[in-house]
Amino acid sequence: MKKAKRYSDVLKELEDTLEKMNRGEIPIDELQNSVKEAAGKIQYLRQILRSTQAEVTKILKEIEEGSPEENG
């Protein structure tokens, strides 16, 4: 099974690709694949952000409601 990449690693890869695109370093023959890969990375990053946001929201809600130990 493939190990999930870290957010910062994928973001760096995406930034590198965008820099190459802006400098015109990606040949037109490779542009379509580069754009598809970049789009996949963006979707992956958004998924991580949504997951992280949900987890943080859950933790904050638990803090507001008090832990089970406090209510016992």
PDB file of N, CA and C in Angstrom:
ATOM      1  N   MET A   1       0.851  -1.188   0.000  1.00  0.00           N
ATOM      2  CA  MET A   1       0.000   0.000   0.000  1.00  0.00           C
ATOM      3  C   MET A   1       0.889   1.241   0.000  1.00  0.00           C
ATOM      4  N   LYS A   2       0.472   2.219  -0.765  1.00  0.00           N
ATOM      5  CA  LYS A   2       1.226   3.456  -0.880  1.00  0.00           C
ATOM      6  C   LYS A   2       1.072   4.315   0.365  1.00  0.00           C
ATOM      7  N   LYS A   3       2.186   4.841   0.852  1.00  0.00           N
ATOM      8  CA  LYS A   3       2.143   5.710   2.029  1.00  0.00           C
ATOM      9  C   LYS A   3       1.658   7.101   1.604  1.00  0.00           C
ATOM     10  N   ALA A   4       0.765   7.677   2.377  1.00  0.00           N
ATOM     11  CA  ALA A   4       0.235   9.010   2.081  1.00  0.00           C
ATOM     12  C   ALA A   4       1.355  10.037   2.196  1.00  0.00           C
ATOM     13  N   LYS A   5       1.363  10.945   1.261  1.00  0.00           N
ATOM     14  CA  LYS A   5       2.370  12.002   1.283  1.00  0.00           C
ATOM     15  C   LYS A   5       1.953  13.100   2.248  1.00  0.00           C
ATOM     16  N   ARG A   6       2.957  13.743   2.789  1.00  0.00           N
ATOM     17  CA  ARG A   6       2.708  14.861   3.697  1.00  0.00           C
ATOM     18  C   ARG A   6       2.185  16.059   2.903  1.00  0.00           C
ATOM     19  N   TYR A   7       1.339  16.839   3.550  1.00  0.00           N
ATOM     20  CA  TYR A   7       0.761  18.028   2.937  1.00  0.00           C
ATOM     21  C   TYR A   7       1.861  18.939   2.404  1.00  0.00           C
ATOM     22  N   SER A   8       2.865  19.199   3.232  1.00  0.00           N
ATOM     23  CA  SER A   8       3.927  20.132   2.840  1.00  0.00           C
ATOM     24  C   SER A   8       4.709  19.619   1.640  1.00  0.00           C
ATOM     25  N   ASP A   9       4.885  18.301   1.534  1.00  0.00           N
ATOM     26  CA  ASP A   9       5.617  17.736   0.393  1.00  0.00           C
ATOM     27  C   ASP A   9       4.828  17.909  -0.906  1.00  0.00           C
ATOM     28  N   VAL A  10       3.536  17.627  -0.842  1.00  0.00           N
ATOM     29  CA  VAL A  10       2.687  17.760  -2.031  1.00  0.00           C
ATOM     30  C   VAL A  10       2.582  19.227  -2.429  1.00  0.00           C
ATOM     31  N   LEU A  11       2.445  20.110  -1.448  1.00  0.00           N
ATOM     32  CA  LEU A  11       2.366  21.537  -1.733  1.00  0.00           C
ATOM     33  C   LEU A  11       3.642  22.019  -2.426  1.00  0.00           C
ATOM     34  N   LYS A  12       4.791  21.553  -1.957  1.00  0.00           N
ATOM     35  CA  LYS A  12       6.073  21.934  -2.563  1.00  0.00           C
ATOM     36  C   LYS A  12       6.143  21.447  -4.016  1.00  0.00           C
ATOM     37  N   GLU A  13       5.699  20.210  -4.250  1.00  0.00           N
ATOM     38  CA  GLU A  13       5.676  19.671  -5.616  1.00  0.00           C
ATOM     39  C   GLU A  13       4.785  20.529  -6.518  1.00  0.00           C
ATOM     40  N   LEU A  14       3.618  20.911  -5.997  1.00  0.00           N
ATOM     41  CA  LEU A  14       2.691  21.740  -6.762  1.00  0.00           C
ATOM     42  C   LEU A  14       3.312  23.102  -7.064  1.00  0.00           C
ATOM     43  N   GLU A  15       3.933  23.696  -6.064  1.00  0.00           N
ATOM     44  CA  GLU A  15       4.590  24.992  -6.261  1.00  0.00           C
ATOM     45  C   GLU A  15       5.697  24.900  -7.303  1.00  0.00           C
ATOM     46  N   ASP A  16       6.471  23.820  -7.263  1.00  0.00           N
ATOM     47  CA  ASP A  16       7.543  23.620  -8.243  1.00  0.00           C
ATOM     48  C   ASP A  16       6.973  23.517  -9.658  1.00  0.00           C
ATOM     49  N   THR A  17       5.888  22.760  -9.794  1.00  0.00           N
ATOM     50  CA  THR A  17       5.249  22.612 -11.105  1.00  0.00           C
ATOM     51  C   THR A  17       4.742  23.957 -11.611  1.00  0.00           C
ATOM     52  N   LEU A  18       4.106  24.725 -10.737  1.00  0.00           N
ATOM     53  CA  LEU A  18       3.578  26.031 -11.140  1.00  0.00           C
ATOM     54  C   LEU A  18       4.698  26.989 -11.541  1.00  0.00           C
ATOM     55  N   GLU A  19       5.806  26.934 -10.823  1.00  0.00           N
ATOM     56  CA  GLU A  19       6.951  27.774 -11.192  1.00  0.00           C
ATOM     57  C   GLU A  19       7.469  27.403 -12.574  1.00  0.00           C
ATOM     58  N   LYS A  20       7.563  26.107 -12.849  1.00  0.00           N
ATOM     59  CA  LYS A  20       8.024  25.652 -14.169  1.00  0.00           C
ATOM     60  C   LYS A  20       7.060  26.112 -15.255  1.00  0.00           C
ATOM     61  N   MET A  21       5.766  26.041 -14.975  1.00  0.00           N
ATOM     62  CA  MET A  21       4.768  26.494 -15.950  1.00  0.00           C
ATOM     63  C   MET A  21       4.928  27.986 -16.215  1.00  0.00           C
ATOM     64  N   ASN A  22       5.082  28.760 -15.150  1.00  0.00           N
ATOM     65  CA  ASN A  22       5.219  30.212 -15.299  1.00  0.00           C
ATOM     66  C   ASN A  22       6.479  30.605 -16.063  1.00  0.00           C
ATOM     67  N   ARG A  23       7.526  29.812 -15.928  1.00  0.00           N
ATOM     68  CA  ARG A  23       8.774  30.097 -16.644  1.00  0.00           C
ATOM     69  C   ARG A  23       8.782  29.506 -18.048  1.00  0.00           C
ATOM     70  N   GLY A  24       7.734  28.778 -18.392  1.00  0.00           N
ATOM     71  CA  GLY A  24       7.656  28.171 -19.724  1.00  0.00           C
ATOM     72  C   GLY A  24       8.588  26.989 -19.881  1.00  0.00           C
ATOM     73  N   GLU A  25       8.906  26.312 -18.805  1.00  0.00           N
ATOM     74  CA  GLU A  25       9.849  25.198 -18.836  1.00  0.00           C
ATOM     75  C   GLU A  25       9.195  23.846 -19.099  1.00  0.00           C
ATOM     76  N   ILE A  26       7.882  23.827 -19.177  1.00  0.00           N
ATOM     77  CA  ILE A  26       7.200  22.566 -19.453  1.00  0.00           C
ATOM     78  C   ILE A  26       6.811  22.569 -20.924  1.00  0.00           C
ATOM     79  N   PRO A  27       7.354  21.619 -21.681  1.00  0.00           N
ATOM     80  CA  PRO A  27       7.029  21.545 -23.106  1.00  0.00           C
ATOM     81  C   PRO A  27       5.535  21.340 -23.318  1.00  0.00           C
ATOM     82  N   ILE A  28       5.022  21.876 -24.385  1.00  0.00           N
ATOM     83  CA  ILE A  28       3.599  21.794 -24.685  1.00  0.00           C
ATOM     84  C   ILE A  28       3.118  20.346 -24.724  1.00  0.00           C
ATOM     85  N   ASP A  29       3.995  19.431 -25.150  1.00  0.00           N
ATOM     86  CA  ASP A  29       3.632  18.011 -25.199  1.00  0.00           C
ATOM     87  C   ASP A  29       3.406  17.429 -23.808  1.00  0.00           C
ATOM     88  N   GLU A  30       3.969  18.028 -22.792  1.00  0.00           N
ATOM     89  CA  GLU A  30       3.846  17.541 -21.426  1.00  0.00           C
ATOM     90  C   GLU A  30       2.865  18.372 -20.594  1.00  0.00           C
ATOM     91  N   LEU A  31       2.394  19.475 -21.159  1.00  0.00           N
ATOM     92  CA  LEU A  31       1.558  20.408 -20.408  1.00  0.00           C
ATOM     93  C   LEU A  31       0.259  19.776 -19.923  1.00  0.00           C
ATOM     94  N   GLN A  32      -0.394  19.009 -20.782  1.00  0.00           N
ATOM     95  CA  GLN A  32      -1.666  18.400 -20.390  1.00  0.00           C
ATOM     96  C   GLN A  32      -1.479  17.491 -19.179  1.00  0.00           C
ATOM     97  N   ASN A  33      -0.460  16.640 -19.203  1.00  0.00           N
ATOM     98  CA  ASN A  33      -0.213  15.750 -18.070  1.00  0.00           C
ATOM     99  C   ASN A  33       0.170  16.535 -16.822  1.00  0.00           C
ATOM    100  N   SER A  34       0.947  17.589 -16.995  1.00  0.00           N
ATOM    101  CA  SER A  34       1.348  18.408 -15.850  1.00  0.00           C
ATOM    102  C   SER A  34       0.143  19.077 -15.198  1.00  0.00           C
ATOM    103  N   VAL A  35      -0.772  19.557 -16.020  1.00  0.00           N
ATOM    104  CA  VAL A  35      -1.981  20.193 -15.500  1.00  0.00           C
ATOM    105  C   VAL A  35      -2.849  19.161 -14.775  1.00  0.00           C
ATOM    106  N   LYS A  36      -2.976  17.962 -15.341  1.00  0.00           N
ATOM    107  CA  LYS A  36      -3.755  16.904 -14.685  1.00  0.00           C
ATOM    108  C   LYS A  36      -3.142  16.533 -13.337  1.00  0.00           C
ATOM    109  N   GLU A  37      -1.831  16.402 -13.299  1.00  0.00           N
ATOM    110  CA  GLU A  37      -1.149  16.077 -12.043  1.00  0.00           C
ATOM    111  C   GLU A  37      -1.332  17.194 -11.021  1.00  0.00           C
ATOM    112  N   ALA A  38      -1.222  18.433 -11.475  1.00  0.00           N
ATOM    113  CA  ALA A  38      -1.408  19.576 -10.578  1.00  0.00           C
ATOM    114  C   ALA A  38      -2.831  19.577 -10.018  1.00  0.00           C
ATOM    115  N   ALA A  39      -3.812  19.300 -10.854  1.00  0.00           N
ATOM    116  CA  ALA A  39      -5.207  19.257 -10.407  1.00  0.00           C
ATOM    117  C   ALA A  39      -5.404  18.158  -9.362  1.00  0.00           C
ATOM    118  N   GLY A  40      -4.781  17.015  -9.572  1.00  0.00           N
ATOM    119  CA  GLY A  40      -4.863  15.927  -8.599  1.00  0.00           C
ATOM    120  C   GLY A  40      -4.247  16.317  -7.268  1.00  0.00           C
ATOM    121  N   LYS A  41      -3.131  17.036  -7.331  1.00  0.00           N
ATOM    122  CA  LYS A  41      -2.478  17.498  -6.101  1.00  0.00           C
ATOM    123  C   LYS A  41      -3.355  18.509  -5.372  1.00  0.00           C
ATOM    124  N   ILE A  42      -3.998  19.382  -6.111  1.00  0.00           N
ATOM    125  CA  ILE A  42      -4.896  20.362  -5.493  1.00  0.00           C
ATOM    126  C   ILE A  42      -6.046  19.645  -4.787  1.00  0.00           C
ATOM    127  N   GLN A  43      -6.623  18.640  -5.442  1.00  0.00           N
ATOM    128  CA  GLN A  43      -7.714  17.876  -4.820  1.00  0.00           C
ATOM    129  C   GLN A  43      -7.228  17.184  -3.547  1.00  0.00           C
ATOM    130  N   TYR A  44      -6.036  16.601  -3.600  1.00  0.00           N
ATOM    131  CA  TYR A  44      -5.465  15.928  -2.436  1.00  0.00           C
ATOM    132  C   TYR A  44      -5.263  16.914  -1.285  1.00  0.00           C
ATOM    133  N   LEU A  45      -4.716  18.086  -1.594  1.00  0.00           N
ATOM    134  CA  LEU A  45      -4.479  19.103  -0.566  1.00  0.00           C
ATOM    135  C   LEU A  45      -5.794  19.582   0.042  1.00  0.00           C
ATOM    136  N   ARG A  46      -6.796  19.780  -0.773  1.00  0.00           N
ATOM    137  CA  ARG A  46      -8.110  20.191  -0.265  1.00  0.00           C
ATOM    138  C   ARG A  46      -8.699  19.130   0.650  1.00  0.00           C
ATOM    139  N   GLN A  47      -8.525  17.866   0.284  1.00  0.00           N
ATOM    140  CA  GLN A  47      -9.027  16.764   1.101  1.00  0.00           C
ATOM    141  C   GLN A  47      -8.356  16.785   2.479  1.00  0.00           C
ATOM    142  N   ILE A  48      -7.061  16.984   2.506  1.00  0.00           N
ATOM    143  CA  ILE A  48      -6.343  17.047   3.780  1.00  0.00           C
ATOM    144  C   ILE A  48      -6.836  18.232   4.600  1.00  0.00           C
ATOM    145  N   LEU A  49      -7.023  19.379   3.967  1.00  0.00           N
ATOM    146  CA  LEU A  49      -7.506  20.559   4.679  1.00  0.00           C
ATOM    147  C   LEU A  49      -8.889  20.325   5.282  1.00  0.00           C
ATOM    148  N   ARG A  50      -9.784  19.714   4.502  1.00  0.00           N
ATOM    149  CA  ARG A  50     -11.136  19.430   5.011  1.00  0.00           C
ATOM    150  C   ARG A  50     -11.076  18.467   6.192  1.00  0.00           C
ATOM    151  N   SER A  51     -10.255  17.451   6.069  1.00  0.00           N
ATOM    152  CA  SER A  51     -10.111  16.471   7.143  1.00  0.00           C
ATOM    153  C   SER A  51      -9.543  17.122   8.403  1.00  0.00           C
ATOM    154  N   THR A  52      -8.538  17.947   8.222  1.00  0.00           N
ATOM    155  CA  THR A  52      -7.927  18.641   9.353  1.00  0.00           C
ATOM    156  C   THR A  52      -8.921  19.587  10.000  1.00  0.00           C
ATOM    157  N   GLN A  53      -9.667  20.317   9.184  1.00  0.00           N
ATOM    158  CA  GLN A  53     -10.665  21.245   9.714  1.00  0.00           C
ATOM    159  C   GLN A  53     -11.715  20.493  10.526  1.00  0.00           C
ATOM    160  N   ALA A  54     -12.168  19.359  10.024  1.00  0.00           N
ATOM    161  CA  ALA A  54     -13.170  18.571  10.736  1.00  0.00           C
ATOM    162  C   ALA A  54     -12.620  18.080  12.071  1.00  0.00           C
ATOM    163  N   GLU A  55     -11.372  17.641  12.077  1.00  0.00           N
ATOM    164  CA  GLU A  55     -10.764  17.148  13.313  1.00  0.00           C
ATOM    165  C   GLU A  55     -10.590  18.273  14.332  1.00  0.00           C
ATOM    166  N   VAL A  56     -10.139  19.442  13.871  1.00  0.00           N
ATOM    167  CA  VAL A  56      -9.962  20.580  14.773  1.00  0.00           C
ATOM    168  C   VAL A  56     -11.316  21.014  15.335  1.00  0.00           C
ATOM    169  N   THR A  57     -12.332  21.059  14.487  1.00  0.00           N
ATOM    170  CA  THR A  57     -13.674  21.427  14.938  1.00  0.00           C
ATOM    171  C   THR A  57     -14.166  20.451  16.002  1.00  0.00           C
ATOM    172  N   LYS A  58     -13.933  19.159  15.776  1.00  0.00           N
ATOM    173  CA  LYS A  58     -14.331  18.137  16.745  1.00  0.00           C
ATOM    174  C   LYS A  58     -13.615  18.347  18.080  1.00  0.00           C
ATOM    175  N   ILE A  59     -12.323  18.599  18.027  1.00  0.00           N
ATOM    176  CA  ILE A  59     -11.549  18.804  19.251  1.00  0.00           C
ATOM    177  C   ILE A  59     -12.031  20.039  19.998  1.00  0.00           C
ATOM    178  N   LEU A  60     -12.261  21.127  19.272  1.00  0.00           N
ATOM    179  CA  LEU A  60     -12.736  22.356  19.915  1.00  0.00           C
ATOM    180  C   LEU A  60     -14.110  22.161  20.540  1.00  0.00           C
ATOM    181  N   LYS A  61     -14.973  21.400  19.871  1.00  0.00           N
ATOM    182  CA  LYS A  61     -16.300  21.119  20.416  1.00  0.00           C
ATOM    183  C   LYS A  61     -16.174  20.313  21.706  1.00  0.00           C
ATOM    184  N   GLU A  62     -15.273  19.338  21.708  1.00  0.00           N
ATOM    185  CA  GLU A  62     -15.054  18.540  22.916  1.00  0.00           C
ATOM    186  C   GLU A  62     -14.547  19.411  24.061  1.00  0.00           C
ATOM    187  N   ILE A  63     -13.679  20.357  23.748  1.00  0.00           N
ATOM    188  CA  ILE A  63     -13.156  21.261  24.769  1.00  0.00           C
ATOM    189  C   ILE A  63     -14.282  22.121  25.341  1.00  0.00           C
ATOM    190  N   GLU A  64     -15.133  22.664  24.450  1.00  0.00           N
ATOM    191  CA  GLU A  64     -16.235  23.514  24.897  1.00  0.00           C
ATOM    192  C   GLU A  64     -17.203  22.737  25.777  1.00  0.00           C
ATOM    193  N   GLU A  65     -17.470  21.481  25.419  1.00  0.00           N
ATOM    194  CA  GLU A  65     -18.420  20.683  26.165  1.00  0.00           C
ATOM    195  C   GLU A  65     -17.799  20.091  27.419  1.00  0.00           C
ATOM    196  N   GLY A  66     -16.487  20.129  27.502  1.00  0.00           N
ATOM    197  CA  GLY A  66     -15.795  19.545  28.647  1.00  0.00           C
ATOM    198  C   GLY A  66     -15.543  18.071  28.402  1.00  0.00           C
ATOM    199  N   SER A  67     -14.436  17.604  28.898  1.00  0.00           N
ATOM    200  CA  SER A  67     -14.098  16.196  28.724  1.00  0.00           C
ATOM    201  C   SER A  67     -14.958  15.344  29.636  1.00  0.00           C
ATOM    202  N   PRO A  68     -15.111  14.056  29.311  1.00  0.00           N
ATOM    203  CA  PRO A  68     -15.919  13.164  30.151  1.00  0.00           C
ATOM    204  C   PRO A  68     -15.425  13.108  31.580  1.00  0.00           C
ATOM    205  N   GLU A  69     -14.122  13.250  31.794  1.00  0.00           N
ATOM    206  CA  GLU A  69     -13.578  13.220  33.148  1.00  0.00           C
ATOM    207  C   GLU A  69     -14.110  14.395  33.974  1.00  0.00           C
ATOM    208  N   GLU A  70     -14.267  15.552  33.337  1.00  0.00           N
ATOM    209  CA  GLU A  70     -14.740  16.755  34.034  1.00  0.00           C
ATOM    210  C   GLU A  70     -16.214  16.639  34.401  1.00  0.00           C
ATOM    211  N   ASN A  71     -16.977  15.921  33.584  1.00  0.00           N
ATOM    212  CA  ASN A  71     -18.410  15.818  33.817  1.00  0.00           C
ATOM    213  C   ASN A  71     -18.763  14.678  34.767  1.00  0.00           C
ATOM    214  N   GLY A  72     -17.797  13.871  35.128  1.00  0.00           N
ATOM    215  CA  GLY A  72     -18.069  12.686  35.938  1.00  0.00           C
ATOM    216  C   GLY A  72     -18.140  12.982  37.353  1.00  0.00           C
TER     217      GLY A  72
END
